[in-house]
C-alpha atoms as a PDB file:
ATOM      1  CA  MET A   1      81.617  31.593 197.470  1.00  0.00           C
ATOM      2  CA  LYS A   2      79.601  33.529 194.996  1.00  0.00           C
ATOM      3  CA  ARG A   3      80.012  36.650 197.082  1.00  0.00           C
ATOM      4  CA  PHE A   4      83.731  36.111 197.121  1.00  0.00           C
ATOM      5  CA  LEU A   5      83.909  35.904 193.351  1.00  0.00           C
ATOM      6  CA  LEU A   6      81.912  39.126 192.983  1.00  0.00           C
ATOM      7  CA  LEU A   7      84.270  40.911 195.414  1.00  0.00           C
ATOM      8  CA  CYS A   8      87.333  39.801 193.453  1.00  0.00           C
ATOM      9  CA  LEU A   9      85.810  40.927 190.195  1.00  0.00           C
ATOM     10  CA  GLY A  10      85.046  44.411 191.606  1.00  0.00           C
ATOM     11  CA  THR A  11      88.558  44.741 192.968  1.00  0.00           C
ATOM     12  CA  PHE A  12      89.998  43.832 189.580  1.00  0.00           C
ATOM     13  CA  LEU A  13      87.917  46.453 187.829  1.00  0.00           C
ATOM     14  CA  LEU A  14      88.951  49.119 190.324  1.00  0.00           C
ATOM     15  CA  ALA A  15      92.575  48.145 189.866  1.00  0.00           C
ATOM     16  CA  GLY A  16      92.201  48.530 186.119  1.00  0.00           C
ATOM     17  CA  CYS A  17      90.821  52.099 186.496  1.00  0.00           C
ATOM     18  CA  GLY A  18      93.674  52.953 188.841  1.00  0.00           C
ATOM     19  CA  LEU A  19      96.311  51.805 186.310  1.00  0.00           C
ATOM     20  CA  GLU A  20      94.867  53.974 183.567  1.00  0.00           C
ATOM     21  CA  THR A  21      94.867  57.045 185.780  1.00  0.00           C
ATOM     22  CA  ALA A  22      98.401  56.292 187.006  1.00  0.00           C
ATOM     23  CA  VAL A  23      99.848  55.685 183.548  1.00  0.00           C
ATOM     24  CA  LEU A  24      98.298  58.700 181.743  1.00  0.00           C
ATOM     25  CA  PRO A  25      99.453  61.542 184.022  1.00  0.00           C
ATOM     26  CA  PRO A  26     103.216  60.758 184.018  1.00  0.00           C
ATOM     27  CA  PRO A  27     103.840  61.684 180.346  1.00  0.00           C
ATOM     28  CA  LEU A  28     102.370  65.175 180.863  1.00  0.00           C
ATOM     29  CA  PRO A  29     104.676  66.276 183.694  1.00  0.00           C
ATOM     30  CA  THR A  30     107.730  64.743 182.002  1.00  0.00           C
ATOM     31  CA  LEU A  31     107.097  66.611 178.705  1.00  0.00           C
ATOM     32  CA  VAL A  32     106.764  70.045 180.339  1.00  0.00           C
ATOM     33  CA  PRO A  33     109.977  70.081 182.441  1.00  0.00           C
ATOM     34  CA  THR A  34     112.127  68.330 179.837  1.00  0.00           C
ATOM     35  CA  GLY A  35     111.068  70.664 176.973  1.00  0.00           C
ATOM     36  CA  LEU A  36     111.574  74.068 178.651  1.00  0.00           C
ATOM     37  CA  PRO A  37     114.977  73.653 180.291  1.00  0.00           C
ATOM     38  CA  VAL A  38     116.513  72.290 177.097  1.00  0.00           C
ATOM     39  CA  GLU A  39     115.732  75.496 175.084  1.00  0.00           C
ATOM     40  CA  THR A  40     116.586  78.001 177.842  1.00  0.00           C
ATOM     41  CA  PRO A  41     120.276  77.037 178.248  1.00  0.00           C
ATOM     42  CA  THR A  42     120.871  77.505 174.492  1.00  0.00           C
ATOM     43  CA  LEU A  43     119.824  81.223 174.632  1.00  0.00           C
ATOM     44  CA  PRO A  44     122.067  82.612 177.429  1.00  0.00           C
ATOM     45  CA  PRO A  45     125.463  82.016 175.743  1.00  0.00           C
ATOM     46  CA  PRO A  46     124.827  84.444 172.825  1.00  0.00           C
ATOM     47  CA  SER A  47     123.373  87.006 175.186  1.00  0.00           C
ATOM     48  CA  VAL A  48     126.525  86.804 177.368  1.00  0.00           C
ATOM     49  CA  GLU A  49     128.765  87.264 174.333  1.00  0.00           C
ATOM     50  CA  GLY A  50     126.640  90.216 173.209  1.00  0.00           C
ATOM     51  CA  GLU A  51     127.017  91.901 176.588  1.00  0.00           C
ATOM     52  CA  THR A  52     130.783  91.432 176.522  1.00  0.00           C
ATOM     53  CA  ALA A  53     131.024  93.065 173.076  1.00  0.00           C
ATOM     54  CA  VAL A  54     128.928  96.006 174.198  1.00  0.00           C
ATOM     55  CA  ALA A  55     131.020  96.397 177.327  1.00  0.00           C
ATOM     56  CA  GLN A  56     134.212  96.695 175.246  1.00  0.00           C
ATOM     57  CA  GLN A  57     132.852  99.611 173.194  1.00  0.00           C
ATOM     58  CA  PRO A  58     132.120 101.925 176.200  1.00  0.00           C
ATOM     59  CA  THR A  59     135.769 101.574 177.232  1.00  0.00           C
ATOM     60  CA  ASN A  60     136.665 103.882 174.328  1.00  0.00           C
ATOM     61  CA  THR A  61     134.020 106.461 175.312  1.00  0.00           C
ATOM     62  CA  PRO A  62     135.806 107.810 178.470  1.00  0.00           C
ATOM     63  CA  GLU A  63     138.771 109.039 176.377  1.00  0.00           C
ATOM     64  CA  PRO A  64     136.812 111.836 174.605  1.00  0.00           C
ATOM     65  CA  THR A  65     135.100 112.561 177.898  1.00  0.00           C
ATOM     66  CA  ALA A  66     138.486 113.245 179.532  1.00  0.00           C
ATOM     67  CA  THR A  67     139.405 115.631 176.701  1.00  0.00           C
ATOM     68  CA  ALA A  68     136.154 117.520 177.173  1.00  0.00           C
ATOM     69  CA  THR A  69     136.841 117.924 180.881  1.00  0.00           C
ATOM     70  CA  ALA A  70     140.286 119.388 180.220  1.00  0.00           C
ATOM     71  CA  SER A  71     138.931 122.290 178.131  1.00  0.00           C
ATOM     72  CA  PRO A  72     136.975 123.929 181.006  1.00  0.00           C
ATOM     73  CA  THR A  73     140.200 124.136 183.009  1.00  0.00           C
ATOM     74  CA  VAL A  74     141.571 126.561 180.415  1.00  0.00           C
ATOM     75  CA  THR A  75     138.629 128.943 180.828  1.00  0.00           C
ATOM     76  CA  PRO A  76     139.456 130.225 184.358  1.00  0.00           C
ATOM     77  CA  SER A  77     142.966 131.361 183.328  1.00  0.00           C
ATOM     78  CA  PRO A  78     141.853 134.744 181.837  1.00  0.00           C
ATOM     79  CA  THR A  79     140.039 135.604 185.066  1.00  0.00           C
ATOM     80  CA  PRO A  80     143.145 136.714 187.066  1.00  0.00           C
ATOM     81  CA  THR A  81     144.095 139.183 184.316  1.00  0.00           C
ATOM     82  CA  ALA A  82     140.937 141.140 185.089  1.00  0.00           C
ATOM     83  CA  THR A  83     142.639 142.751 188.099  1.00  0.00           C
ATOM     84  CA  PRO A  84     144.200 145.962 186.781  1.00  0.00           C
ATOM     85  CA  ILE A  85     144.934 147.406 190.241  1.00  0.00           C
ATOM     86  CA  GLY A  86     147.023 145.289 192.581  1.00  0.00           C
ATOM     87  CA  PRO A  87     147.951 145.726 196.227  1.00  0.00           C
ATOM     88  CA  CYS A  88     149.362 149.075 197.312  1.00  0.00           C
ATOM     89  CA  ASP A  89     152.979 147.912 197.597  1.00  0.00           C
ATOM     90  CA  ALA A  90     152.801 146.431 194.077  1.00  0.00           C
ATOM     91  CA  ARG A  91     151.852 149.829 192.656  1.00  0.00           C
ATOM     92  CA  MET A  92     154.871 151.779 193.869  1.00  0.00           C
ATOM     93  CA  PRO A  93     156.689 153.554 191.027  1.00  0.00           C
ATOM     94  CA  GLN A  94     159.202 151.524 189.068  1.00  0.00           C
ATOM     95  CA  ASP A  95     160.966 154.417 187.293  1.00  0.00           C
ATOM     96  CA  ASP A  96     157.742 155.132 185.415  1.00  0.00           C
ATOM     97  CA  LEU A  97     157.819 158.526 183.661  1.00  0.00           C
ATOM     98  CA  PHE A  98     154.086 158.965 184.323  1.00  0.00           C
ATOM     99  CA  THR A  99     153.975 158.240 188.071  1.00  0.00           C
ATOM    100  CA  ILE A 100     151.423 160.496 189.785  1.00  0.00           C
ATOM    101  CA  VAL A 101     152.855 162.670 192.561  1.00  0.00           C
ATOM    102  CA  THR A 102     150.673 165.315 194.227  1.00  0.00           C
ATOM    103  CA  GLN A 103     149.889 166.560 197.717  1.00  0.00           C
ATOM    104  CA  THR A 104     147.475 163.604 197.910  1.00  0.00           C
ATOM    105  CA  TYR A 105     149.408 160.824 196.210  1.00  0.00           C
ATOM    106  CA  GLY A 106     152.988 160.288 197.304  1.00  0.00           C
ATOM    107  CA  LEU A 107     156.072 158.097 196.990  1.00  0.00           C
ATOM    108  CA  SER A 108     157.588 155.624 199.396  1.00  0.00           C
ATOM    109  CA  ARG A 109     160.441 156.849 201.584  1.00  0.00           C
ATOM    110  CA  ASP A 110     162.487 154.002 200.086  1.00  0.00           C
ATOM    111  CA  TYR A 111     161.992 154.963 196.460  1.00  0.00           C
ATOM    112  CA  ALA A 112     165.084 156.268 194.657  1.00  0.00           C
ATOM    113  CA  PRO A 113     165.924 156.019 190.940  1.00  0.00           C
ATOM    114  CA  GLN A 114     168.959 153.912 190.105  1.00  0.00           C
ATOM    115  CA  ASP A 115     170.186 155.765 186.999  1.00  0.00           C
ATOM    116  CA  LEU A 116     171.009 159.224 188.382  1.00  0.00           C
ATOM    117  CA  ALA A 117     173.720 161.315 186.718  1.00  0.00           C
ATOM    118  CA  LEU A 118     175.565 164.351 188.118  1.00  0.00           C
ATOM    119  CA  LEU A 119     174.900 167.325 185.870  1.00  0.00           C
ATOM    120  CA  THR A 120     178.229 168.980 186.656  1.00  0.00           C
ATOM    121  CA  ASP A 121     179.828 166.137 184.664  1.00  0.00           C
ATOM    122  CA  TYR A 122     177.913 167.138 181.536  1.00  0.00           C
ATOM    123  CA  LEU A 123     177.090 170.851 181.731  1.00  0.00           C
ATOM    124  CA  PRO A 124     179.248 173.945 182.375  1.00  0.00           C
ATOM    125  CA  VAL A 125     179.266 175.679 185.723  1.00  0.00           C
ATOM    126  CA  ASP A 126     177.490 178.761 184.337  1.00  0.00           C
ATOM    127  CA  VAL A 127     174.462 176.466 183.888  1.00  0.00           C
ATOM    128  CA  THR A 128     174.698 174.309 187.034  1.00  0.00           C
ATOM    129  CA  LEU A 129     176.074 177.135 189.236  1.00  0.00           C
ATOM    130  CA  GLY A 130     178.193 174.417 190.814  1.00  0.00           C
ATOM    131  CA  TYR A 131     175.175 172.789 192.524  1.00  0.00           C
ATOM    132  CA  PRO A 132     175.476 168.985 192.784  1.00  0.00           C
ATOM    133  CA  THR A 133     172.242 168.529 190.851  1.00  0.00           C
ATOM    134  CA  GLU A 134     171.317 165.015 189.727  1.00  0.00           C
ATOM    135  CA  LEU A 135     168.977 163.841 186.958  1.00  0.00           C
ATOM    136  CA  ARG A 136     167.990 160.463 185.600  1.00  0.00           C
ATOM    137  CA  GLN A 137     169.910 159.232 182.550  1.00  0.00           C
ATOM    138  CA  VAL A 138     166.689 158.946 180.525  1.00  0.00           C
ATOM    139  CA  ALA A 139     166.297 162.758 180.608  1.00  0.00           C
ATOM    140  CA  LEU A 140     169.982 163.677 180.375  1.00  0.00           C
ATOM    141  CA  GLY A 141     170.388 163.684 176.572  1.00  0.00           C
ATOM    142  CA  PRO A 142     167.250 165.785 175.901  1.00  0.00           C
ATOM    143  CA  LEU A 143     168.299 168.263 178.614  1.00  0.00           C
ATOM    144  CA  ILE A 144     171.806 168.732 177.204  1.00  0.00           C
ATOM    145  CA  GLN A 145     170.348 169.393 173.747  1.00  0.00           C
ATOM    146  CA  MET A 146     167.790 171.831 175.139  1.00  0.00           C
ATOM    147  CA  ILE A 147     170.423 173.815 177.076  1.00  0.00           C
ATOM    148  CA  ALA A 148     172.633 173.976 173.965  1.00  0.00           C
ATOM    149  CA  ASP A 149     169.728 175.307 171.875  1.00  0.00           C
ATOM    150  CA  MET A 150     168.878 177.899 174.530  1.00  0.00           C
ATOM    151  CA  GLN A 151     172.473 179.088 174.640  1.00  0.00           C
ATOM    152  CA  ASN A 152     172.578 179.251 170.837  1.00  0.00           C
ATOM    153  CA  ALA A 153     169.523 181.494 171.063  1.00  0.00           C
ATOM    154  CA  GLY A 154     171.503 183.871 173.331  1.00  0.00           C
ATOM    155  CA  LEU A 155     169.874 182.742 176.615  1.00  0.00           C
ATOM    156  CA  GLN A 156     171.548 181.975 179.960  1.00  0.00           C
ATOM    157  CA  PRO A 157     169.528 179.174 181.600  1.00  0.00           C
ATOM    158  CA  TRP A 158     170.323 178.124 185.140  1.00  0.00           C
ATOM    159  CA  ILE A 159     169.508 174.742 186.693  1.00  0.00           C
ATOM    160  CA  LEU A 160     168.789 175.319 190.360  1.00  0.00           C
ATOM    161  CA  SER A 161     167.458 171.955 191.528  1.00  0.00           C
ATOM    162  CA  GLY A 162     167.007 168.373 190.361  1.00  0.00           C
ATOM    163  CA  TYR A 163     166.682 165.054 192.180  1.00  0.00           C
ATOM    164  CA  ARG A 164     165.801 165.389 195.853  1.00  0.00           C
ATOM    165  CA  SER A 165     165.649 162.365 198.132  1.00  0.00           C
ATOM    166  CA  TYR A 166     162.901 161.724 200.665  1.00  0.00           C
ATOM    167  CA  SER A 167     165.172 162.788 203.542  1.00  0.00           C
ATOM    168  CA  ALA A 168     166.318 165.962 201.731  1.00  0.00           C
ATOM    169  CA  GLN A 169     162.688 166.886 201.112  1.00  0.00           C
ATOM    170  CA  ALA A 170     161.950 166.326 204.787  1.00  0.00           C
ATOM    171  CA  ILE A 171     164.620 168.921 205.690  1.00  0.00           C
ATOM    172  CA  SER A 172     163.169 171.420 203.192  1.00  0.00           C
ATOM    173  CA  TRP A 173     159.652 170.857 204.509  1.00  0.00           C
ATOM    174  CA  GLU A 174     160.725 171.390 208.126  1.00  0.00           C
ATOM    175  CA  LYS A 175     162.453 174.664 207.160  1.00  0.00           C
ATOM    176  CA  TRP A 176     159.365 176.103 205.465  1.00  0.00           C
ATOM    177  CA  ASN A 177     157.061 174.770 208.166  1.00  0.00           C
ATOM    178  CA  ARG A 178     159.186 176.508 210.766  1.00  0.00           C
ATOM    179  CA  GLU A 179     159.568 179.822 208.929  1.00  0.00           C
ATOM    180  CA  GLU A 180     156.110 180.142 207.350  1.00  0.00           C
ATOM    181  CA  PRO A 181     153.807 177.533 208.916  1.00  0.00           C
ATOM    182  CA  GLU A 182     150.641 178.981 207.370  1.00  0.00           C
ATOM    183  CA  ARG A 183     152.023 178.854 203.813  1.00  0.00           C
ATOM    184  CA  ALA A 184     154.326 175.837 204.109  1.00  0.00           C
ATOM    185  CA  ALA A 185     151.833 173.483 202.454  1.00  0.00           C
ATOM    186  CA  ILE A 186     151.781 175.554 199.263  1.00  0.00           C
ATOM    187  CA  LEU A 187     155.430 176.646 199.263  1.00  0.00           C
ATOM    188  CA  SER A 188     156.921 173.198 199.736  1.00  0.00           C
ATOM    189  CA  ALA A 189     155.912 169.572 199.398  1.00  0.00           C
ATOM    190  CA  ARG A 190     155.792 167.165 202.283  1.00  0.00           C
ATOM    191  CA  PRO A 191     158.414 164.408 202.098  1.00  0.00           C
ATOM    192  CA  GLY A 192     157.275 161.766 199.622  1.00  0.00           C
ATOM    193  CA  HIS A 193     155.046 164.254 197.777  1.00  0.00           C
ATOM    194  CA  SER A 194     157.635 166.022 195.656  1.00  0.00           C
ATOM    195  CA  GLU A 195     158.172 165.276 191.965  1.00  0.00           C
ATOM    196  CA  HIS A 196     161.869 165.953 192.588  1.00  0.00           C
ATOM    197  CA  GLN A 197     162.104 162.532 194.248  1.00  0.00           C
ATOM    198  CA  LEU A 198     161.378 160.976 190.827  1.00  0.00           C
ATOM    199  CA  GLY A 199     164.715 162.265 189.475  1.00  0.00           C
ATOM    200  CA  THR A 200     163.086 163.590 186.283  1.00  0.00           C
ATOM    201  CA  THR A 201     162.197 167.096 187.515  1.00  0.00           C
ATOM    202  CA  LEU A 202     164.237 170.300 187.289  1.00  0.00           C
ATOM    203  CA  ASP A 203     163.884 173.869 188.565  1.00  0.00           C
ATOM    204  CA  PHE A 204     165.200 176.470 186.111  1.00  0.00           C
ATOM    205  CA  GLY A 205     166.416 179.973 186.841  1.00  0.00           C
ATOM    206  CA  SER A 206     167.325 183.158 184.990  1.00  0.00           C
ATOM    207  CA  PRO A 207     169.810 185.990 185.645  1.00  0.00           C
ATOM    208  CA  GLU A 208     167.003 188.409 184.665  1.00  0.00           C
ATOM    209  CA  LEU A 209     164.775 187.485 187.619  1.00  0.00           C
ATOM    210  CA  ALA A 210     166.512 189.639 190.239  1.00  0.00           C
ATOM    211  CA  GLU A 211     166.066 192.757 188.127  1.00  0.00           C
ATOM    212  CA  ILE A 212     162.426 191.993 187.305  1.00  0.00           C
ATOM    213  CA  VAL A 213     161.482 191.282 190.923  1.00  0.00           C
ATOM    214  CA  GLY A 214     163.772 193.916 192.400  1.00  0.00           C
ATOM    215  CA  ILE A 215     165.375 191.515 194.884  1.00  0.00           C
ATOM    216  CA  GLU A 216     169.074 190.737 194.621  1.00  0.00           C
ATOM    217  CA  ASP A 217     170.134 187.080 194.318  1.00  0.00           C
ATOM    218  CA  ILE A 218     166.535 185.843 194.183  1.00  0.00           C
ATOM    219  CA  GLU A 219     166.224 182.455 192.476  1.00  0.00           C
ATOM    220  CA  PHE A 220     162.526 181.540 192.681  1.00  0.00           C
ATOM    221  CA  HIS A 221     159.573 183.790 191.906  1.00  0.00           C
ATOM    222  CA  THR A 222     156.407 183.531 189.822  1.00  0.00           C
ATOM    223  CA  TYR A 223     157.777 186.354 187.661  1.00  0.00           C
ATOM    224  CA  PHE A 224     160.111 183.789 186.150  1.00  0.00           C
ATOM    225  CA  TYR A 225     157.515 183.488 183.366  1.00  0.00           C
ATOM    226  CA  GLN A 226     158.489 187.047 182.317  1.00  0.00           C
ATOM    227  CA  THR A 227     162.173 186.241 181.878  1.00  0.00           C
ATOM    228  CA  SER A 228     163.617 185.367 178.470  1.00  0.00           C
ATOM    229  CA  GLU A 229     164.432 181.852 179.724  1.00  0.00           C
ATOM    230  CA  GLY A 230     160.934 181.395 181.154  1.00  0.00           C
ATOM    231  CA  ILE A 231     159.263 182.481 177.907  1.00  0.00           C
ATOM    232  CA  TRP A 232     161.474 180.206 175.792  1.00  0.00           C
ATOM    233  CA  LEU A 233     160.802 177.175 178.037  1.00  0.00           C
ATOM    234  CA  ALA A 234     157.034 177.730 177.964  1.00  0.00           C
ATOM    235  CA  GLU A 235     157.116 177.734 174.168  1.00  0.00           C
ATOM    236  CA  ASN A 236     159.719 175.046 173.446  1.00  0.00           C
ATOM    237  CA  ALA A 237     160.346 172.698 176.399  1.00  0.00           C
ATOM    238  CA  HIS A 238     157.824 170.150 175.090  1.00  0.00           C
ATOM    239  CA  ARG A 239     159.981 169.597 171.988  1.00  0.00           C
ATOM    240  CA  TYR A 240     162.586 168.041 174.287  1.00  0.00           C
ATOM    241  CA  GLY A 241     160.144 166.051 176.412  1.00  0.00           C
ATOM    242  CA  PHE A 242     159.722 168.491 179.347  1.00  0.00           C
ATOM    243  CA  THR A 243     156.370 169.749 180.600  1.00  0.00           C
ATOM    244  CA  LEU A 244     155.342 172.396 183.130  1.00  0.00           C
ATOM    245  CA  SER A 245     154.000 170.496 186.152  1.00  0.00           C
ATOM    246  CA  TYR A 246     152.181 173.304 187.979  1.00  0.00           C
ATOM    247  CA  PRO A 247     150.642 175.780 185.509  1.00  0.00           C
ATOM    248  CA  ARG A 248     148.435 178.657 186.465  1.00  0.00           C
ATOM    249  CA  GLY A 249     145.019 177.560 187.753  1.00  0.00           C
ATOM    250  CA  ALA A 250     146.004 173.927 188.487  1.00  0.00           C
ATOM    251  CA  GLN A 251     146.222 174.203 192.277  1.00  0.00           C
ATOM    252  CA  GLU A 252     142.934 172.403 192.903  1.00  0.00           C
ATOM    253  CA  LEU A 253     144.306 169.166 191.422  1.00  0.00           C
ATOM    254  CA  THR A 254     148.036 169.481 192.061  1.00  0.00           C
ATOM    255  CA  GLY A 255     147.900 171.140 195.468  1.00  0.00           C
ATOM    256  CA  PHE A 256     150.627 173.581 194.424  1.00  0.00           C
ATOM    257  CA  PHE A 257     150.627 177.211 193.341  1.00  0.00           C
ATOM    258  CA  TYR A 258     151.793 178.261 189.898  1.00  0.00           C
ATOM    259  CA  GLU A 259     155.501 177.388 189.481  1.00  0.00           C
ATOM    260  CA  PRO A 260     156.702 178.549 186.041  1.00  0.00           C
ATOM    261  CA  TRP A 261     160.233 177.232 186.740  1.00  0.00           C
ATOM    262  CA  HIS A 262     159.261 173.607 187.558  1.00  0.00           C
ATOM    263  CA  TYR A 263     159.575 171.224 184.579  1.00  0.00           C
ATOM    264  CA  ARG A 264     159.295 167.450 184.525  1.00  0.00           C
ATOM    265  CA  TYR A 265     160.560 165.098 181.839  1.00  0.00           C
ATOM    266  CA  VAL A 266     157.812 162.829 180.424  1.00  0.00           C
ATOM    267  CA  GLY A 267     159.139 162.186 176.923  1.00  0.00           C
ATOM    268  CA  GLU A 268     158.609 164.170 173.745  1.00  0.00           C
ATOM    269  CA  GLU A 269     155.362 162.457 172.740  1.00  0.00           C
ATOM    270  CA  MET A 270     153.545 163.070 176.023  1.00  0.00           C
ATOM    271  CA  ALA A 271     154.955 166.567 176.517  1.00  0.00           C
ATOM    272  CA  THR A 272     153.903 167.588 172.993  1.00  0.00           C
ATOM    273  CA  PHE A 273     150.431 166.109 173.507  1.00  0.00           C
ATOM    274  CA  LEU A 274     149.973 168.070 176.758  1.00  0.00           C
ATOM    275  CA  HIS A 275     151.241 171.285 175.166  1.00  0.00           C
ATOM    276  CA  ASP A 276     149.045 170.997 172.079  1.00  0.00           C
ATOM    277  CA  SER A 277     145.986 169.956 174.118  1.00  0.00           C
ATOM    278  CA  GLY A 278     146.332 172.898 176.495  1.00  0.00           C
ATOM    279  CA  THR A 279     146.265 170.601 179.528  1.00  0.00           C
ATOM    280  CA  TYR A 280     148.805 169.520 182.150  1.00  0.00           C
ATOM    281  CA  LEU A 281     150.199 166.237 183.413  1.00  0.00           C
ATOM    282  CA  THR A 282     148.265 165.768 186.679  1.00  0.00           C
ATOM    283  CA  ALA A 283     144.906 166.428 185.003  1.00  0.00           C
ATOM    284  CA  PHE A 284     145.727 163.887 182.302  1.00  0.00           C
ATOM    285  CA  GLN A 285     146.967 161.300 184.818  1.00  0.00           C
ATOM    286  CA  LEU A 286     143.929 161.430 187.084  1.00  0.00           C
ATOM    287  CA  ILE A 287     141.599 160.869 184.128  1.00  0.00           C
ATOM    288  CA  ASN A 288     143.557 158.253 182.182  1.00  0.00           C
ATOM    289  CA  GLN A 289     145.560 156.267 184.735  1.00  0.00           C
ATOM    290  CA  PRO A 290     144.482 153.883 187.522  1.00  0.00           C
ATOM    291  CA  GLU A 291     144.036 155.457 190.922  1.00  0.00           C
ATOM    292  CA  PRO A 292     147.494 155.679 192.474  1.00  0.00           C
ATOM    293  CA  CYS A 293     148.612 154.051 195.667  1.00  0.00           C
ATOM    294  CA  ILE A 294     148.271 155.822 199.008  1.00  0.00           C
ATOM    295  CA  PRO A 295     150.759 154.067 201.332  1.00  0.00           C
END
């Protein structure tokens, strides 16, 4: 019985120690979880609102960015203009007074000026000799004035040749090539390589030439420079816009011998510049103009 009482007393004491250990721990775990979660939910809402406000501001930023991207697109536009020389067919003459025509550089078989005038409608027969010579309108007025001034000076200028088409030049070339094959290249131009196709070139003559040369009815000879008409043209043609195409010593560049009767209209400014500078058209063109087209 005594042992039984001692056993009950020990069990009671152990149960008392167990209650203290069971009661004390619970408050600690309950304080930790309940304290932390309560403060954390209160912080996220402001942070969410802050993010939304920041996100609205960047929406305005792309607009200046788009403007900045548009400006580079303007930069490439000047680049195409840096092509001064285009394709060959784009560089064919368009009634340009300064088109280069030599034994090397020629014209298309299809090229023909659209403003040709028949000289017999404007000048007397003692000047045209009745030849159906044509000239571009741009050179017509200056020519009429020049002929009038020559006649007033007591001269008798003849106009022997003007516009010559590609096909007409082909006939002339075949004639010279047949009659004088060794000299044809310097006596005549191949079709497409004659300034006469431009419609701004004239061949002048003089009634004095036959007597000077000693050959009756001769029309073309280098002694034309000795005639009164040849001397007057050499000194005054530039005042009317005409220039001597093939002067003495120019064969290396032009491909043609000296032709003192062969004048081309280039306008008064250019003709006067060439005359005063002591140079000639082809030399000026090859230095100052883009390389011409070789079809």
